[in-house]
Amino acid sequence: RMGCGSSFDASDGPRTVVVFGSTGLLGGAIARRLLQEPFLYKVRCVTRRSSGEKARELAEHGAVIVNADLGETKSLEKALEGADIMFLTTHYWEEKNKEKEVIKGLNAIDAAIQCGVKHIIFNGSENVKKIIGKECNHLDSKSAIEEYIREVGINFTILRLPFWLENFYSVFKPHKLKHAVYAVALPLEGSELDVMSVEDVGEIVASILRRPRQYYGKTLNLSVESLSMENIVDTFNRHFDNRKFTDPKIRIKDMEKFQFPGSKDLAAMFEFYQSGQAVRDIKLTRKLNPHALTFDRWLSENRDKVEEALREAN
């Protein structure tokens, strides 16, 4: 078939890594980290917005920017031609359509096989519906893609990420109750939350690629630390002494009733976290990235972004 040349051997020089979602948080973190070692990796960043600012920044750091769409097989084969490694992450929230996300993921896997890619690293998930009996579209989609990867016989490493600290300046930013008082609304109901910064996944991928064979066929369940609601609120209060943060003690059943799109999926995600079935390995995560940030350090380093989100919080 058209679109795929042969892949070269790693001993011929730098390995070519194709990174999907490179203008997003996760793909961007991985691309930026691998671009620091040009003698080891040629980084090819796939985007549908090759003229955007983020793509330009990656190009300035040495990335080759490729225009491709997970919905178009031909464009994927072109993007993966001659590649050794593929990092794949798929997006649910753009279209909020689980079936479409799964099809796009499968398209990328098929194209990788067609092009002779030797190793796929995928941002996967457990099957939440199987575990708690409720749909969790943005995770169940990744679980379906993960199952396909296991079936097709390609070398793979699955990453399962915990709650992203970056959520604290986006989807789960504290919301304003009154002047200088904010609620951190996470339905933990006494359980603990595994967390890490997306930025730190870059170093984890670099560690995997240093000894890829050691991680073939492995599922890596990542977390830097496990936090109680008390830890989270205390940490916010310590860092922002001009504001007061509180725990509104929100429950899963409250979140299920929220009217915003995806609230049921997010409620199911927290129910899954509470179930104790989302087993994450802090020791392994710290071995793969000894410098991964705790929430406390992350808040010090990302104060500006959180500050800005708080100013916008209504």
Protein backbone atom coordinates (compact mmCIF):
# COMPACT_ATOMS: atom_id res chain seq x y z
CA ARG A 1 0.00 0.00 0.00
CA MET A 2 0.94 3.57 -0.62
CA GLY A 3 2.20 5.83 2.11
CA CYS A 4 4.69 3.66 3.99
CA GLY A 5 8.35 3.20 3.24
CA SER A 6 10.48 0.74 5.15
CA SER A 7 11.59 1.52 8.67
CA PHE A 8 15.31 1.68 9.44
CA ASP A 9 17.25 -0.01 12.20
CA ALA A 10 17.90 1.90 15.45
CA SER A 11 21.64 1.40 15.04
CA ASP A 12 21.55 3.64 11.96
CA GLY A 13 21.29 6.70 14.16
CA PRO A 14 18.51 8.53 15.96
CA ARG A 15 15.20 6.70 16.20
CA THR A 16 12.19 8.44 14.71
CA VAL A 17 9.41 8.98 17.23
CA VAL A 18 6.00 10.09 16.02
CA VAL A 19 4.07 11.97 18.71
CA PHE A 20 0.31 12.40 18.44
CA GLY A 21 -1.46 15.17 20.34
CA SER A 22 1.78 17.14 20.35
CA THR A 23 0.04 20.51 20.61
CA GLY A 24 -1.90 19.28 23.66
CA LEU A 25 -0.61 18.97 27.23
CA LEU A 26 0.42 15.32 27.20
CA GLY A 27 1.84 14.96 23.68
CA GLY A 28 3.53 18.35 24.07
CA ALA A 29 5.29 17.28 27.27
CA ILE A 30 6.61 14.15 25.56
CA ALA A 31 7.69 15.92 22.39
CA ARG A 32 9.53 18.66 24.33
CA ARG A 33 11.38 16.11 26.45
CA LEU A 34 12.51 13.95 23.51
CA LEU A 35 13.59 17.04 21.55
CA GLN A 36 16.25 17.59 24.24
CA GLU A 37 18.16 14.57 22.87
CA PRO A 38 18.45 15.08 19.11
CA PHE A 39 21.27 12.52 18.87
CA LEU A 40 18.84 9.85 20.16
CA TYR A 41 15.50 10.89 18.67
CA LYS A 42 14.07 12.51 15.61
CA VAL A 43 10.74 13.85 16.79
CA ARG A 44 7.87 14.06 14.36
CA CYS A 45 4.87 15.92 15.75
CA VAL A 46 1.46 15.17 14.31
CA THR A 47 -1.09 17.95 14.40
CA ARG A 48 -4.07 19.20 12.46
CA ARG A 49 -2.95 22.76 13.17
CA SER A 50 0.53 22.91 11.73
CA SER A 51 0.41 26.71 11.45
CA GLY A 52 -0.48 27.21 15.12
CA GLU A 53 1.81 28.77 17.70
CA LYS A 54 2.43 25.51 19.60
CA ALA A 55 3.45 23.69 16.44
CA ARG A 56 5.79 26.57 15.56
CA GLU A 57 7.45 26.37 18.99
CA LEU A 58 8.02 22.63 18.58
CA ALA A 59 9.49 23.21 15.11
CA GLU A 60 11.86 25.82 16.55
CA HIS A 61 13.12 23.16 18.96
CA GLY A 62 13.82 20.77 16.10
CA ALA A 63 10.59 18.86 15.58
CA VAL A 64 9.32 17.93 12.15
CA ILE A 65 5.68 19.00 12.01
CA VAL A 66 3.34 16.72 10.09
CA ASN A 67 -0.22 17.57 9.20
CA ALA A 68 -2.40 14.50 9.76
CA ASP A 69 -5.81 13.58 11.05
CA LEU A 70 -6.68 10.43 13.01
CA GLY A 71 -9.81 10.22 10.88
CA GLU A 72 -7.82 9.93 7.63
CA THR A 73 -5.84 6.73 7.16
CA LYS A 74 -3.80 8.04 4.21
CA SER A 75 -2.55 11.03 6.19
CA LEU A 76 -1.60 8.70 9.07
CA GLU A 77 0.45 6.43 6.84
CA LYS A 78 2.30 9.44 5.55
CA ALA A 79 2.94 10.64 9.10
CA LEU A 80 4.22 7.22 10.22
CA GLU A 81 6.38 6.44 7.20
CA GLY A 82 9.82 5.25 8.35
CA ALA A 83 8.96 5.71 12.03
CA ASP A 84 10.34 3.46 14.78
CA ILE A 85 8.17 4.49 17.73
CA MET A 86 4.71 5.97 18.05
CA PHE A 87 3.31 7.77 21.07
CA LEU A 88 -0.47 7.82 20.83
CA THR A 89 -3.01 9.71 22.87
CA THR A 90 -6.61 10.11 21.74
CA HIS A 91 -9.14 12.79 22.64
CA TYR A 92 -12.69 12.31 23.80
CA TRP A 93 -13.62 15.82 24.85
CA GLU A 94 -13.31 17.43 21.42
CA GLU A 95 -16.31 15.61 19.94
CA LYS A 96 -17.57 13.82 23.09
CA ASN A 97 -18.08 10.70 21.00
CA LYS A 98 -16.66 7.45 22.33
CA GLU A 99 -17.11 5.45 19.10
CA LYS A 100 -15.31 8.09 17.03
CA GLU A 101 -12.42 8.20 19.51
CA VAL A 102 -12.05 4.42 19.35
CA ILE A 103 -12.10 4.37 15.54
CA LYS A 104 -9.43 7.08 15.42
CA GLY A 105 -7.23 5.14 17.84
CA LEU A 106 -7.61 1.95 15.80
CA ASN A 107 -6.77 3.88 12.61
CA ALA A 108 -3.45 4.96 14.16
CA ILE A 109 -2.64 1.41 15.34
CA ASP A 110 -3.42 -0.05 11.90
CA ALA A 111 -1.29 2.58 10.19
CA ALA A 112 1.58 1.89 12.63
CA ILE A 113 1.46 -1.83 11.81
CA GLN A 114 1.26 -1.07 8.09
CA CYS A 115 4.34 1.16 8.38
CA GLY A 116 6.43 -1.28 10.42
CA VAL A 117 6.51 0.79 13.62
CA LYS A 118 8.39 -1.24 16.24
CA HIS A 119 6.95 0.12 19.49
CA ILE A 120 3.70 1.85 20.44
CA ILE A 121 3.33 3.80 23.67
CA PHE A 122 -0.32 4.52 24.42
CA ASN A 123 -2.15 6.57 27.03
CA GLY A 124 -4.70 3.92 28.03
CA SER A 125 -7.15 3.16 30.82
CA GLU A 126 -8.92 0.44 32.72
CA ASN A 127 -12.42 -0.49 31.57
CA VAL A 128 -14.43 1.58 34.03
CA LYS A 129 -17.82 0.30 32.89
CA LYS A 130 -16.73 -3.27 33.65
CA ILE A 131 -15.52 -2.24 37.11
CA ILE A 132 -18.32 0.03 38.40
CA GLY A 133 -21.17 -0.74 35.98
CA LYS A 134 -21.46 2.85 34.73
CA GLU A 135 -20.36 4.43 31.46
CA CYS A 136 -17.21 6.52 31.66
CA ASN A 137 -16.82 7.43 28.01
CA HIS A 138 -13.46 9.23 28.07
CA LEU A 139 -11.80 6.28 29.85
CA ASP A 140 -13.74 3.35 28.36
CA SER A 141 -12.76 4.55 24.87
CA LYS A 142 -9.08 4.31 25.82
CA SER A 143 -9.68 0.89 27.34
CA ALA A 144 -11.13 -0.36 24.03
CA ILE A 145 -8.10 0.95 22.09
CA GLU A 146 -5.80 -0.64 24.67
CA GLU A 147 -7.51 -4.03 24.16
CA TYR A 148 -6.98 -3.76 20.41
CA ILE A 149 -3.27 -2.98 20.89
CA ARG A 150 -2.90 -6.13 23.01
CA GLU A 151 -4.56 -8.24 20.32
CA VAL A 152 -2.62 -7.17 17.24
CA GLY A 153 0.81 -8.40 18.33
CA ILE A 154 2.83 -5.18 18.08
CA ASN A 155 5.33 -4.22 20.83
CA PHE A 156 3.52 -1.89 23.18
CA THR A 157 3.78 -0.07 26.49
CA ILE A 158 0.58 1.21 28.08
CA LEU A 159 0.65 4.25 30.36
CA ARG A 160 -2.26 4.72 32.72
CA LEU A 161 -2.22 8.19 34.15
CA PRO A 162 -3.78 9.41 37.37
CA PHE A 163 -5.63 12.73 37.93
CA TRP A 164 -3.60 15.50 36.25
CA LEU A 165 -2.48 18.34 38.50
CA GLU A 166 -3.07 20.59 35.48
CA ASN A 167 -6.80 20.02 36.08
CA PHE A 168 -6.45 22.46 38.98
CA TYR A 169 -6.11 25.38 36.58
CA SER A 170 -8.63 24.06 34.05
CA VAL A 171 -11.59 21.67 34.45
CA PHE A 172 -11.30 21.39 38.23
CA LYS A 173 -10.10 24.86 39.13
CA PRO A 174 -11.36 25.97 42.56
CA HIS A 175 -14.54 28.00 42.21
CA LYS A 176 -15.28 31.24 43.94
CA LEU A 177 -17.84 31.20 46.75
CA LYS A 178 -17.41 34.81 47.83
CA HIS A 179 -14.61 37.37 47.92
CA ALA A 180 -11.29 35.48 48.36
CA VAL A 181 -13.03 32.22 49.35
CA TYR A 182 -12.87 29.21 47.02
CA ALA A 183 -14.27 25.69 47.00
CA VAL A 184 -12.16 22.78 45.73
CA ALA A 185 -14.96 20.57 44.42
CA LEU A 186 -13.69 17.01 44.08
CA PRO A 187 -15.98 14.14 45.10
CA LEU A 188 -13.45 12.09 47.08
CA GLU A 189 -15.79 11.23 49.97
CA GLY A 190 -12.94 10.22 52.25
CA SER A 191 -10.84 8.41 49.62
CA GLU A 192 -7.45 9.55 48.31
CA LEU A 193 -6.65 10.82 44.84
CA ASP A 194 -3.59 9.73 42.84
CA VAL A 195 -2.04 12.69 41.05
CA MET A 196 0.86 13.77 38.87
CA SER A 197 1.80 16.57 36.51
CA VAL A 198 1.37 15.82 32.81
CA GLU A 199 4.69 17.56 32.21
CA ASP A 200 6.44 14.76 34.14
CA VAL A 201 5.23 12.08 31.73
CA GLY A 202 7.88 13.33 29.27
CA GLU A 203 10.71 12.01 31.44
CA ILE A 204 8.83 8.74 31.97
CA VAL A 205 8.64 8.16 28.22
CA ALA A 206 12.35 9.04 27.89
CA SER A 207 13.13 6.41 30.59
CA ILE A 208 11.07 3.78 28.76
CA LEU A 209 12.82 4.52 25.47
CA ARG A 210 16.25 4.14 27.06
CA ARG A 211 15.43 0.46 27.72
CA PRO A 212 12.44 -0.23 25.51
CA ARG A 213 12.61 -4.03 25.60
CA GLN A 214 12.26 -3.97 29.36
CA TYR A 215 8.86 -2.31 28.93
CA TYR A 216 7.42 -4.25 25.98
CA GLY A 217 4.02 -5.68 26.88
CA LYS A 218 3.92 -3.76 30.14
CA THR A 219 1.16 -1.61 31.62
CA LEU A 220 2.60 1.19 33.76
CA ASN A 221 0.18 2.60 36.33
CA LEU A 222 1.49 6.04 37.15
CA SER A 223 1.14 8.30 40.20
CA VAL A 224 3.51 10.59 42.07
CA GLU A 225 1.48 10.71 45.28
CA SER A 226 -1.90 9.98 46.74
CA LEU A 227 -3.74 12.93 48.35
CA SER A 228 -6.68 13.29 50.68
CA MET A 229 -9.07 16.21 50.33
CA GLU A 230 -7.52 17.62 53.50
CA ASN A 231 -4.03 17.49 51.93
CA ILE A 232 -5.29 19.24 48.80
CA VAL A 233 -7.12 22.06 50.63
CA ASP A 234 -4.23 22.57 53.10
CA THR A 235 -1.72 22.81 50.26
CA PHE A 236 -3.82 25.44 48.46
CA ASN A 237 -4.17 27.42 51.70
CA ARG A 238 -0.42 27.28 52.35
CA HIS A 239 0.42 28.62 48.91
CA PHE A 240 -2.21 31.34 48.69
CA ASP A 241 -2.33 32.99 52.09
CA ASN A 242 -4.45 35.84 50.72
CA ARG A 243 -7.29 33.42 49.92
CA LYS A 244 -9.23 30.75 51.77
CA PHE A 245 -9.85 27.31 50.25
CA THR A 246 -12.51 24.94 51.53
CA ASP A 247 -13.83 21.44 50.85
CA PRO A 248 -17.54 21.63 49.96
CA LYS A 249 -17.76 17.84 50.56
CA ILE A 250 -19.31 17.21 47.18
CA ARG A 251 -20.46 13.63 46.52
CA ILE A 252 -20.58 11.47 43.39
CA LYS A 253 -24.36 11.73 43.34
CA ASP A 254 -24.15 15.55 43.35
CA MET A 255 -21.77 15.50 40.41
CA GLU A 256 -24.03 13.15 38.44
CA LYS A 257 -26.76 15.79 38.63
CA PHE A 258 -24.62 18.63 37.29
CA GLN A 259 -25.82 19.96 33.96
CA PHE A 260 -22.52 20.51 32.16
CA PRO A 261 -21.58 18.20 29.25
CA GLY A 262 -19.55 15.23 30.45
CA SER A 263 -20.48 15.59 34.12
CA LYS A 264 -21.73 11.98 34.25
CA ASP A 265 -18.46 10.74 32.76
CA LEU A 266 -16.46 12.72 35.32
CA ALA A 267 -18.68 11.46 38.15
CA ALA A 268 -18.05 7.88 36.96
CA MET A 269 -14.31 8.59 36.84
CA PHE A 270 -14.34 9.66 40.50
CA GLU A 271 -16.48 6.66 41.43
CA PHE A 272 -13.84 4.50 39.76
CA TYR A 273 -11.07 6.32 41.68
CA GLN A 274 -13.01 5.74 44.91
CA SER A 275 -13.52 2.03 44.11
CA GLY A 276 -9.90 1.20 44.93
CA GLN A 277 -9.59 -0.50 41.50
CA ALA A 278 -7.48 2.29 39.97
CA VAL A 279 -4.26 0.84 41.31
CA ARG A 280 -1.28 3.15 40.73
CA ASP A 281 2.40 2.53 41.43
CA ILE A 282 4.18 5.47 43.07
CA LYS A 283 7.48 3.58 43.46
CA LEU A 284 7.64 2.70 39.77
CA THR A 285 6.67 6.25 38.77
CA ARG A 286 9.46 7.73 40.89
CA LYS A 287 11.93 5.21 39.50
CA LEU A 288 11.03 6.27 35.95
CA ASN A 289 11.11 9.96 36.89
CA PRO A 290 12.92 10.70 40.17
CA HIS A 291 12.25 14.44 39.75
CA ALA A 292 8.47 14.18 39.27
CA LEU A 293 6.73 17.00 41.14
CA THR A 294 4.56 16.55 44.20
CA PHE A 295 1.41 18.69 44.36
CA ASP A 296 3.21 21.05 46.75
CA ARG A 297 6.14 21.61 44.37
CA TRP A 298 3.88 21.73 41.35
CA LEU A 299 1.85 24.51 42.97
CA SER A 300 5.05 26.50 43.63
CA GLU A 301 6.09 26.14 39.99
CA ASN A 302 2.66 26.78 38.47
CA ARG A 303 1.46 29.51 40.78
CA ASP A 304 0.92 31.98 37.91
CA LYS A 305 -1.35 29.63 35.97
CA VAL A 306 -3.39 28.76 39.05
CA GLU A 307 -3.54 32.46 40.02
CA GLU A 308 -4.89 33.32 36.58
CA ALA A 309 -7.49 30.53 36.78
CA LEU A 310 -8.61 31.81 40.20
CA ARG A 311 -9.03 35.31 38.82
CA GLU A 312 -11.30 33.88 36.12
CA ALA A 313 -13.16 31.60 38.57
CA ASN A 314 -16.77 32.63 38.91
